[in-house]
Amino acid sequence: MNSALLVNIFRFILLLAFQIIIFNNMNFLGYISPFPYMLFIILYPVNGNKSGLVVASFFLGLIMDMFSNSGGIHATACLVLAYFRPFIFKFAFGLSYEYQTIKLNDILTPERFSFILLSVVIHHFTLFLLEAFQFSFIFDILIRTLLSTVFTIIICIIIIYLIKPNKR
């Protein structure tokens, strides 16, 4: 096994464990629910196996659904994010994505921030839309998406800086 695969497996398990043990028990004011487990999909290598990402995203969401009793909404939101990830890369990074020279766990730049922001918004909007499953709750869906996105991005940035490799 190569080191990139081991890092991805470790990241998958660790983020899932943190989400299940710590973040699943957080719900502020009924509107703010952090979901940093999706950082696995965000930090997946750009030149990594695309079908491997889709399969891993499905299992990531499925395991979240099993622990949250949510009936498949996490799996769907993770699959939607994994599907749109190349388009978000192309939008956020432009030509750099074409040459696959992107490292997401480096210093936060506006391009990296916009990529993380769009990814979190797509995931959260899909998740909360499927949870409510009615367009009559669109205002509630948008408020929950906005507030949870802000909180999740803060947590994701903290996690990225904690796991960032040191340059010596």
N, C-alpha and C. Protein backbone atom coordinates (compact mmCIF):
# COMPACT_ATOMS: atom_id res chain seq x y z
N MET A 1 0.85 -1.18 0.00
CA MET A 1 0.00 0.00 0.00
C MET A 1 0.89 1.24 0.00
N ASN A 2 0.47 2.23 -0.75
CA ASN A 2 1.25 3.45 -0.76
C ASN A 2 0.81 4.38 0.37
N SER A 3 1.62 5.39 0.63
CA SER A 3 1.36 6.27 1.77
C SER A 3 0.10 7.12 1.57
N ALA A 4 -0.21 7.51 0.33
CA ALA A 4 -1.41 8.32 0.08
C ALA A 4 -2.67 7.54 0.43
N LEU A 5 -2.69 6.26 0.12
CA LEU A 5 -3.84 5.44 0.46
C LEU A 5 -3.98 5.30 1.98
N LEU A 6 -2.87 5.10 2.66
CA LEU A 6 -2.91 4.99 4.12
C LEU A 6 -3.37 6.30 4.76
N VAL A 7 -2.91 7.41 4.23
CA VAL A 7 -3.33 8.72 4.75
C VAL A 7 -4.83 8.90 4.55
N ASN A 8 -5.35 8.51 3.39
CA ASN A 8 -6.79 8.64 3.12
C ASN A 8 -7.61 7.72 4.02
N ILE A 9 -7.15 6.51 4.25
CA ILE A 9 -7.86 5.59 5.15
C ILE A 9 -7.87 6.15 6.57
N PHE A 10 -6.72 6.63 7.02
CA PHE A 10 -6.62 7.21 8.36
C PHE A 10 -7.52 8.44 8.47
N ARG A 11 -7.52 9.30 7.46
CA ARG A 11 -8.35 10.50 7.46
C ARG A 11 -9.84 10.13 7.48
N PHE A 12 -10.22 9.11 6.69
CA PHE A 12 -11.60 8.63 6.64
C PHE A 12 -12.06 8.21 8.04
N ILE A 13 -11.27 7.36 8.68
CA ILE A 13 -11.64 6.82 10.00
C ILE A 13 -11.65 7.91 11.06
N LEU A 14 -10.63 8.76 11.05
CA LEU A 14 -10.52 9.79 12.08
C LEU A 14 -11.63 10.83 11.97
N LEU A 15 -11.90 11.32 10.77
CA LEU A 15 -12.96 12.32 10.61
C LEU A 15 -14.33 11.72 10.92
N LEU A 16 -14.54 10.49 10.53
CA LEU A 16 -15.81 9.83 10.84
C LEU A 16 -15.98 9.64 12.34
N ALA A 17 -14.90 9.23 13.02
CA ALA A 17 -14.96 9.05 14.47
C ALA A 17 -15.24 10.37 15.18
N PHE A 18 -14.55 11.44 14.77
CA PHE A 18 -14.81 12.74 15.38
C PHE A 18 -16.24 13.20 15.15
N GLN A 19 -16.75 12.96 13.95
CA GLN A 19 -18.12 13.37 13.65
C GLN A 19 -19.11 12.60 14.51
N ILE A 20 -18.93 11.30 14.60
CA ILE A 20 -19.88 10.46 15.35
C ILE A 20 -19.80 10.73 16.84
N ILE A 21 -18.59 10.83 17.38
CA ILE A 21 -18.42 10.97 18.82
C ILE A 21 -18.67 12.39 19.31
N ILE A 22 -18.17 13.37 18.59
CA ILE A 22 -18.23 14.75 19.08
C ILE A 22 -19.30 15.57 18.37
N PHE A 23 -19.21 15.68 17.06
CA PHE A 23 -20.02 16.66 16.34
C PHE A 23 -21.47 16.25 16.12
N ASN A 24 -21.78 14.96 16.18
CA ASN A 24 -23.18 14.54 16.06
C ASN A 24 -23.99 14.99 17.27
N ASN A 25 -23.32 15.24 18.38
CA ASN A 25 -24.01 15.64 19.60
C ASN A 25 -24.13 17.16 19.73
N MET A 26 -23.67 17.89 18.73
CA MET A 26 -23.75 19.35 18.76
C MET A 26 -24.91 19.81 17.89
N ASN A 27 -25.75 20.63 18.47
CA ASN A 27 -26.83 21.26 17.73
C ASN A 27 -27.16 22.56 18.44
N PHE A 28 -26.73 23.67 17.87
CA PHE A 28 -26.91 24.96 18.50
C PHE A 28 -28.18 25.62 17.98
N LEU A 29 -29.09 25.91 18.88
CA LEU A 29 -30.32 26.63 18.58
C LEU A 29 -31.20 25.95 17.53
N GLY A 30 -30.96 24.69 17.26
CA GLY A 30 -31.74 23.96 16.28
C GLY A 30 -31.39 24.26 14.84
N TYR A 31 -30.47 25.19 14.61
CA TYR A 31 -30.12 25.60 13.25
C TYR A 31 -28.68 25.29 12.87
N ILE A 32 -27.79 25.18 13.84
CA ILE A 32 -26.37 25.01 13.53
C ILE A 32 -25.94 23.59 13.87
N SER A 33 -25.60 22.84 12.84
CA SER A 33 -25.11 21.47 13.00
C SER A 33 -23.82 21.34 12.19
N PRO A 34 -22.68 21.17 12.86
CA PRO A 34 -21.43 21.05 12.11
C PRO A 34 -21.25 19.65 11.52
N PHE A 35 -20.74 19.59 10.31
CA PHE A 35 -20.48 18.32 9.63
C PHE A 35 -19.08 18.31 9.03
N PRO A 36 -18.03 18.31 9.86
CA PRO A 36 -16.67 18.32 9.31
C PRO A 36 -16.22 16.99 8.71
N TYR A 37 -17.04 15.95 8.80
CA TYR A 37 -16.66 14.66 8.20
C TYR A 37 -16.50 14.78 6.69
N MET A 38 -17.18 15.75 6.10
CA MET A 38 -17.10 15.93 4.65
C MET A 38 -15.74 16.45 4.21
N LEU A 39 -14.89 16.79 5.17
CA LEU A 39 -13.53 17.22 4.85
C LEU A 39 -12.75 16.11 4.16
N PHE A 40 -13.15 14.87 4.38
CA PHE A 40 -12.52 13.75 3.67
C PHE A 40 -12.70 13.91 2.16
N ILE A 41 -13.88 14.26 1.74
CA ILE A 41 -14.16 14.44 0.31
C ILE A 41 -13.42 15.66 -0.23
N ILE A 42 -13.38 16.72 0.57
CA ILE A 42 -12.71 17.94 0.15
C ILE A 42 -11.21 17.72 0.00
N LEU A 43 -10.59 17.00 0.93
CA LEU A 43 -9.14 16.82 0.93
C LEU A 43 -8.66 15.62 0.13
N TYR A 44 -9.58 14.90 -0.49
CA TYR A 44 -9.19 13.76 -1.31
C TYR A 44 -8.26 14.27 -2.42
N PRO A 45 -7.19 13.54 -2.72
CA PRO A 45 -6.21 14.03 -3.71
C PRO A 45 -6.84 14.33 -5.08
N VAL A 46 -6.39 15.41 -5.68
CA VAL A 46 -6.92 15.85 -6.97
C VAL A 46 -6.69 14.78 -8.04
N ASN A 47 -5.53 14.18 -8.02
CA ASN A 47 -5.20 13.16 -9.02
C ASN A 47 -5.53 11.75 -8.53
N GLY A 48 -6.34 11.65 -7.48
CA GLY A 48 -6.74 10.35 -6.96
C GLY A 48 -7.77 9.67 -7.85
N ASN A 49 -8.04 8.43 -7.55
CA ASN A 49 -9.00 7.62 -8.29
C ASN A 49 -10.41 8.19 -8.10
N LYS A 50 -11.04 8.61 -9.19
CA LYS A 50 -12.37 9.24 -9.11
C LYS A 50 -13.45 8.25 -8.68
N SER A 51 -13.38 7.03 -9.19
CA SER A 51 -14.38 6.04 -8.77
C SER A 51 -14.15 5.64 -7.31
N GLY A 52 -12.90 5.65 -6.88
CA GLY A 52 -12.61 5.38 -5.47
C GLY A 52 -13.20 6.45 -4.58
N LEU A 53 -13.17 7.70 -5.05
CA LEU A 53 -13.77 8.80 -4.28
C LEU A 53 -15.28 8.62 -4.17
N VAL A 54 -15.92 8.24 -5.25
CA VAL A 54 -17.38 8.06 -5.23
C VAL A 54 -17.76 6.93 -4.28
N VAL A 55 -17.04 5.82 -4.35
CA VAL A 55 -17.33 4.68 -3.46
C VAL A 55 -17.07 5.06 -2.01
N ALA A 56 -15.92 5.71 -1.75
CA ALA A 56 -15.60 6.12 -0.38
C ALA A 56 -16.61 7.15 0.14
N SER A 57 -17.05 8.05 -0.72
CA SER A 57 -18.04 9.05 -0.32
C SER A 57 -19.36 8.39 0.04
N PHE A 58 -19.75 7.40 -0.75
CA PHE A 58 -20.98 6.68 -0.44
C PHE A 58 -20.89 6.00 0.92
N PHE A 59 -19.78 5.30 1.16
CA PHE A 59 -19.64 4.61 2.44
C PHE A 59 -19.50 5.58 3.60
N LEU A 60 -18.87 6.71 3.37
CA LEU A 60 -18.78 7.75 4.40
C LEU A 60 -20.18 8.21 4.79
N GLY A 61 -20.99 8.52 3.80
CA GLY A 61 -22.36 8.95 4.06
C GLY A 61 -23.22 7.85 4.64
N LEU A 62 -23.02 6.63 4.17
CA LEU A 62 -23.80 5.50 4.67
C LEU A 62 -23.52 5.24 6.15
N ILE A 63 -22.26 5.30 6.53
CA ILE A 63 -21.90 5.10 7.94
C ILE A 63 -22.49 6.24 8.78
N MET A 64 -22.44 7.46 8.26
CA MET A 64 -23.06 8.59 8.97
C MET A 64 -24.56 8.37 9.12
N ASP A 65 -25.20 7.86 8.07
CA ASP A 65 -26.63 7.59 8.15
C ASP A 65 -26.95 6.53 9.19
N MET A 66 -26.10 5.52 9.28
CA MET A 66 -26.34 4.47 10.27
C MET A 66 -26.26 5.01 11.69
N PHE A 67 -25.32 5.91 11.94
CA PHE A 67 -25.17 6.45 13.28
C PHE A 67 -26.11 7.61 13.56
N SER A 68 -26.69 8.19 12.53
CA SER A 68 -27.60 9.33 12.71
C SER A 68 -29.06 8.96 12.50
N ASN A 69 -29.33 7.73 12.06
CA ASN A 69 -30.69 7.30 11.74
C ASN A 69 -31.35 8.28 10.77
N SER A 70 -30.64 8.61 9.71
CA SER A 70 -31.13 9.65 8.81
C SER A 70 -31.61 9.13 7.46
N GLY A 71 -31.62 7.85 7.25
CA GLY A 71 -32.27 7.28 6.08
C GLY A 71 -31.66 7.59 4.73
N GLY A 72 -30.39 7.83 4.64
CA GLY A 72 -29.74 7.98 3.35
C GLY A 72 -29.42 9.40 2.93
N ILE A 73 -29.77 10.40 3.75
CA ILE A 73 -29.53 11.77 3.30
C ILE A 73 -28.04 12.12 3.32
N HIS A 74 -27.29 11.58 4.26
CA HIS A 74 -25.85 11.84 4.28
C HIS A 74 -25.16 11.18 3.09
N ALA A 75 -25.58 9.96 2.77
CA ALA A 75 -24.99 9.27 1.61
C ALA A 75 -25.28 10.05 0.33
N THR A 76 -26.49 10.54 0.20
CA THR A 76 -26.84 11.32 -0.99
C THR A 76 -26.06 12.63 -1.06
N ALA A 77 -25.97 13.33 0.07
CA ALA A 77 -25.24 14.60 0.09
C ALA A 77 -23.76 14.38 -0.22
N CYS A 78 -23.18 13.30 0.29
CA CYS A 78 -21.77 12.99 0.00
C CYS A 78 -21.57 12.64 -1.47
N LEU A 79 -22.50 11.88 -2.04
CA LEU A 79 -22.39 11.54 -3.45
C LEU A 79 -22.56 12.77 -4.35
N VAL A 80 -23.46 13.66 -3.99
CA VAL A 80 -23.64 14.89 -4.76
C VAL A 80 -22.36 15.72 -4.71
N LEU A 81 -21.76 15.83 -3.52
CA LEU A 81 -20.51 16.58 -3.40
C LEU A 81 -19.39 15.92 -4.20
N ALA A 82 -19.28 14.60 -4.13
CA ALA A 82 -18.24 13.89 -4.89
C ALA A 82 -18.44 14.07 -6.39
N TYR A 83 -19.70 14.11 -6.83
CA TYR A 83 -19.98 14.29 -8.25
C TYR A 83 -19.60 15.70 -8.72
N PHE A 84 -19.95 16.71 -7.93
CA PHE A 84 -19.70 18.09 -8.33
C PHE A 84 -18.29 18.57 -8.02
N ARG A 85 -17.50 17.79 -7.32
CA ARG A 85 -16.15 18.19 -6.92
C ARG A 85 -15.27 18.64 -8.08
N PRO A 86 -15.21 17.92 -9.21
CA PRO A 86 -14.38 18.41 -10.32
C PRO A 86 -14.84 19.76 -10.88
N PHE A 87 -16.15 19.99 -10.91
CA PHE A 87 -16.67 21.26 -11.40
C PHE A 87 -16.33 22.39 -10.43
N ILE A 88 -16.39 22.10 -9.13
CA ILE A 88 -16.03 23.10 -8.13
C ILE A 88 -14.54 23.42 -8.23
N PHE A 89 -13.72 22.38 -8.43
CA PHE A 89 -12.28 22.60 -8.63
C PHE A 89 -12.03 23.52 -9.82
N LYS A 90 -12.69 23.21 -10.92
CA LYS A 90 -12.48 24.01 -12.14
C LYS A 90 -12.93 25.45 -11.94
N PHE A 91 -14.03 25.63 -11.22
CA PHE A 91 -14.53 26.98 -10.95
C PHE A 91 -13.59 27.74 -10.01
N ALA A 92 -13.12 27.08 -8.95
CA ALA A 92 -12.32 27.77 -7.94
C ALA A 92 -10.86 27.97 -8.36
N PHE A 93 -10.29 27.00 -9.06
CA PHE A 93 -8.86 27.06 -9.36
C PHE A 93 -8.54 27.35 -10.82
N GLY A 94 -9.47 27.16 -11.70
CA GLY A 94 -9.24 27.44 -13.11
C GLY A 94 -8.17 26.56 -13.72
N LEU A 95 -7.16 27.18 -14.28
CA LEU A 95 -6.11 26.46 -15.01
C LEU A 95 -5.26 25.56 -14.11
N SER A 96 -5.12 25.93 -12.84
CA SER A 96 -4.33 25.10 -11.93
C SER A 96 -4.93 23.70 -11.80
N TYR A 97 -6.26 23.61 -11.91
CA TYR A 97 -6.90 22.30 -11.82
C TYR A 97 -6.55 21.45 -13.04
N GLU A 98 -6.45 22.07 -14.19
CA GLU A 98 -6.13 21.33 -15.41
C GLU A 98 -4.77 20.64 -15.29
N TYR A 99 -3.84 21.29 -14.62
CA TYR A 99 -2.50 20.71 -14.47
C TYR A 99 -2.35 19.94 -13.17
N GLN A 100 -3.41 19.91 -12.37
CA GLN A 100 -3.47 19.16 -11.11
C GLN A 100 -2.30 19.51 -10.20
N THR A 101 -2.09 20.79 -9.99
CA THR A 101 -1.01 21.26 -9.12
C THR A 101 -1.56 21.81 -7.81
N ILE A 102 -2.70 21.32 -7.38
CA ILE A 102 -3.39 21.88 -6.22
C ILE A 102 -3.08 21.03 -4.98
N LYS A 103 -2.74 21.70 -3.88
CA LYS A 103 -2.59 21.05 -2.57
C LYS A 103 -3.53 21.79 -1.62
N LEU A 104 -4.58 21.12 -1.18
CA LEU A 104 -5.58 21.79 -0.36
C LEU A 104 -5.16 21.96 1.09
N ASN A 105 -4.28 21.10 1.59
CA ASN A 105 -3.92 21.20 3.00
C ASN A 105 -2.68 22.07 3.18
N ASP A 106 -2.58 23.13 2.39
CA ASP A 106 -1.50 24.09 2.48
C ASP A 106 -2.10 25.39 3.05
N ILE A 107 -1.39 26.48 2.92
CA ILE A 107 -1.88 27.77 3.41
C ILE A 107 -3.18 28.13 2.70
N LEU A 108 -4.12 28.68 3.46
CA LEU A 108 -5.44 29.02 2.92
C LEU A 108 -5.34 30.24 2.00
N THR A 109 -5.69 30.06 0.75
CA THR A 109 -5.73 31.15 -0.22
C THR A 109 -7.19 31.40 -0.59
N PRO A 110 -7.48 32.50 -1.28
CA PRO A 110 -8.88 32.73 -1.69
C PRO A 110 -9.44 31.60 -2.56
N GLU A 111 -8.60 30.99 -3.40
CA GLU A 111 -9.08 29.88 -4.23
C GLU A 111 -9.44 28.67 -3.37
N ARG A 112 -8.60 28.35 -2.42
CA ARG A 112 -8.88 27.22 -1.53
C ARG A 112 -10.12 27.49 -0.69
N PHE A 113 -10.23 28.73 -0.19
CA PHE A 113 -11.39 29.08 0.61
C PHE A 113 -12.67 28.99 -0.22
N SER A 114 -12.64 29.47 -1.45
CA SER A 114 -13.85 29.39 -2.29
C SER A 114 -14.19 27.94 -2.61
N PHE A 115 -13.18 27.09 -2.78
CA PHE A 115 -13.45 25.68 -3.02
C PHE A 115 -14.11 25.04 -1.80
N ILE A 116 -13.57 25.32 -0.62
CA ILE A 116 -14.15 24.76 0.61
C ILE A 116 -15.55 25.31 0.82
N LEU A 117 -15.74 26.60 0.61
CA LEU A 117 -17.05 27.22 0.79
C LEU A 117 -18.10 26.61 -0.13
N LEU A 118 -17.80 26.51 -1.41
CA LEU A 118 -18.76 25.93 -2.36
C LEU A 118 -19.05 24.47 -2.04
N SER A 119 -18.04 23.73 -1.64
CA SER A 119 -18.24 22.32 -1.30
C SER A 119 -19.16 22.17 -0.10
N VAL A 120 -18.92 22.97 0.93
CA VAL A 120 -19.75 22.89 2.14
C VAL A 120 -21.18 23.34 1.85
N VAL A 121 -21.34 24.39 1.06
CA VAL A 121 -22.69 24.87 0.73
C VAL A 121 -23.46 23.81 -0.05
N ILE A 122 -22.84 23.19 -1.04
CA ILE A 122 -23.52 22.15 -1.82
C ILE A 122 -23.90 20.97 -0.93
N HIS A 123 -22.98 20.53 -0.09
CA HIS A 123 -23.27 19.40 0.80
C HIS A 123 -24.41 19.74 1.76
N HIS A 124 -24.31 20.89 2.41
CA HIS A 124 -25.31 21.25 3.41
C HIS A 124 -26.68 21.53 2.80
N PHE A 125 -26.71 22.20 1.66
CA PHE A 125 -28.00 22.47 1.02
C PHE A 125 -28.68 21.16 0.62
N THR A 126 -27.91 20.25 0.05
CA THR A 126 -28.47 18.94 -0.31
C THR A 126 -28.97 18.20 0.92
N LEU A 127 -28.17 18.21 1.97
CA LEU A 127 -28.52 17.51 3.21
C LEU A 127 -29.80 18.06 3.82
N PHE A 128 -29.87 19.37 3.98
CA PHE A 128 -31.04 19.97 4.64
C PHE A 128 -32.28 19.96 3.75
N LEU A 129 -32.08 20.03 2.44
CA LEU A 129 -33.22 19.92 1.52
C LEU A 129 -33.83 18.53 1.60
N LEU A 130 -33.00 17.52 1.63
CA LEU A 130 -33.52 16.15 1.73
C LEU A 130 -34.10 15.87 3.11
N GLU A 131 -33.56 16.51 4.12
CA GLU A 131 -34.09 16.32 5.47
C GLU A 131 -35.49 16.91 5.59
N ALA A 132 -35.71 18.10 5.07
CA ALA A 132 -37.03 18.72 5.12
C ALA A 132 -37.95 18.12 4.07
N PHE A 133 -37.45 17.91 2.87
CA PHE A 133 -38.13 17.29 1.74
C PHE A 133 -39.41 18.01 1.34
N GLN A 134 -39.44 19.32 1.59
CA GLN A 134 -40.56 20.15 1.16
C GLN A 134 -40.04 21.53 0.83
N PHE A 135 -40.45 22.07 -0.29
CA PHE A 135 -40.02 23.41 -0.65
C PHE A 135 -40.72 24.48 0.17
N SER A 136 -41.75 24.10 0.92
CA SER A 136 -42.41 25.09 1.78
C SER A 136 -41.50 25.48 2.95
N PHE A 137 -40.49 24.68 3.23
CA PHE A 137 -39.52 24.98 4.29
C PHE A 137 -38.24 25.59 3.73
N ILE A 138 -38.30 26.20 2.55
CA ILE A 138 -37.08 26.68 1.89
C ILE A 138 -36.37 27.74 2.72
N PHE A 139 -37.11 28.60 3.42
CA PHE A 139 -36.47 29.61 4.26
C PHE A 139 -35.71 28.95 5.39
N ASP A 140 -36.32 27.96 6.02
CA ASP A 140 -35.65 27.22 7.09
C ASP A 140 -34.42 26.47 6.55
N ILE A 141 -34.55 25.90 5.37
CA ILE A 141 -33.43 25.18 4.75
C ILE A 141 -32.27 26.14 4.48
N LEU A 142 -32.58 27.32 3.96
CA LEU A 142 -31.53 28.29 3.65
C LEU A 142 -30.86 28.82 4.91
N ILE A 143 -31.64 29.08 5.96
CA ILE A 143 -31.06 29.55 7.23
C ILE A 143 -30.15 28.48 7.83
N ARG A 144 -30.62 27.24 7.86
CA ARG A 144 -29.80 26.15 8.41
C ARG A 144 -28.54 25.94 7.58
N THR A 145 -28.68 26.04 6.24
CA THR A 145 -27.52 25.90 5.37
C THR A 145 -26.50 26.99 5.64
N LEU A 146 -26.96 28.22 5.72
CA LEU A 146 -26.06 29.35 5.95
C LEU A 146 -25.34 29.23 7.30
N LEU A 147 -26.08 29.03 8.37
CA LEU A 147 -25.47 28.99 9.70
C LEU A 147 -24.58 27.77 9.88
N SER A 148 -25.02 26.62 9.41
CA SER A 148 -24.20 25.41 9.53
C SER A 148 -22.95 25.50 8.66
N THR A 149 -23.07 26.15 7.50
CA THR A 149 -21.91 26.32 6.62
C THR A 149 -20.83 27.15 7.30
N VAL A 150 -21.22 28.25 7.92
CA VAL A 150 -20.25 29.10 8.61
C VAL A 150 -19.54 28.31 9.70
N PHE A 151 -20.30 27.61 10.51
CA PHE A 151 -19.72 26.86 11.62
C PHE A 151 -18.85 25.71 11.11
N THR A 152 -19.30 25.01 10.10
CA THR A 152 -18.53 23.89 9.54
C THR A 152 -17.23 24.38 8.90
N ILE A 153 -17.27 25.51 8.21
CA ILE A 153 -16.06 26.04 7.58
C ILE A 153 -15.03 26.42 8.64
N ILE A 154 -15.48 27.02 9.72
CA ILE A 154 -14.54 27.37 10.81
C ILE A 154 -13.88 26.11 11.34
N ILE A 155 -14.66 25.07 11.59
CA ILE A 155 -14.10 23.81 12.10
C ILE A 155 -13.17 23.18 11.07
N CYS A 156 -13.57 23.19 9.80
CA CYS A 156 -12.73 22.59 8.75
C CYS A 156 -11.39 23.31 8.62
N ILE A 157 -11.40 24.64 8.70
CA ILE A 157 -10.15 25.39 8.60
C ILE A 157 -9.25 25.09 9.79
N ILE A 158 -9.83 24.98 10.96
CA ILE A 158 -9.04 24.61 12.14
C ILE A 158 -8.43 23.23 11.96
N ILE A 159 -9.21 22.27 11.48
CA ILE A 159 -8.70 20.91 11.26
C ILE A 159 -7.61 20.91 10.20
N ILE A 160 -7.79 21.66 9.12
CA ILE A 160 -6.77 21.71 8.06
C ILE A 160 -5.46 22.25 8.61
N TYR A 161 -5.54 23.29 9.44
CA TYR A 161 -4.30 23.84 10.01
C TYR A 161 -3.68 22.90 11.04
N LEU A 162 -4.50 22.09 11.70
CA LEU A 162 -3.94 21.13 12.66
C LEU A 162 -3.23 19.97 11.97
N ILE A 163 -3.73 19.55 10.80
CA ILE A 163 -3.13 18.40 10.12
C ILE A 163 -2.15 18.81 9.03
N LYS A 164 -1.95 20.11 8.86
CA LYS A 164 -1.04 20.61 7.82
C LYS A 164 0.38 20.12 8.10
N PRO A 165 1.04 19.54 7.10
CA PRO A 165 2.42 19.09 7.31
C PRO A 165 3.36 20.28 7.51
N ASN A 166 4.30 20.10 8.44
CA ASN A 166 5.27 21.16 8.71
C ASN A 166 6.32 21.22 7.62
N LYS A 167 6.68 22.44 7.23
CA LYS A 167 7.75 22.62 6.23
C LYS A 167 9.03 22.93 6.98
N ARG A 168 10.05 22.13 6.74
CA ARG A 168 11.33 22.34 7.43
C ARG A 168 12.41 22.64 6.46
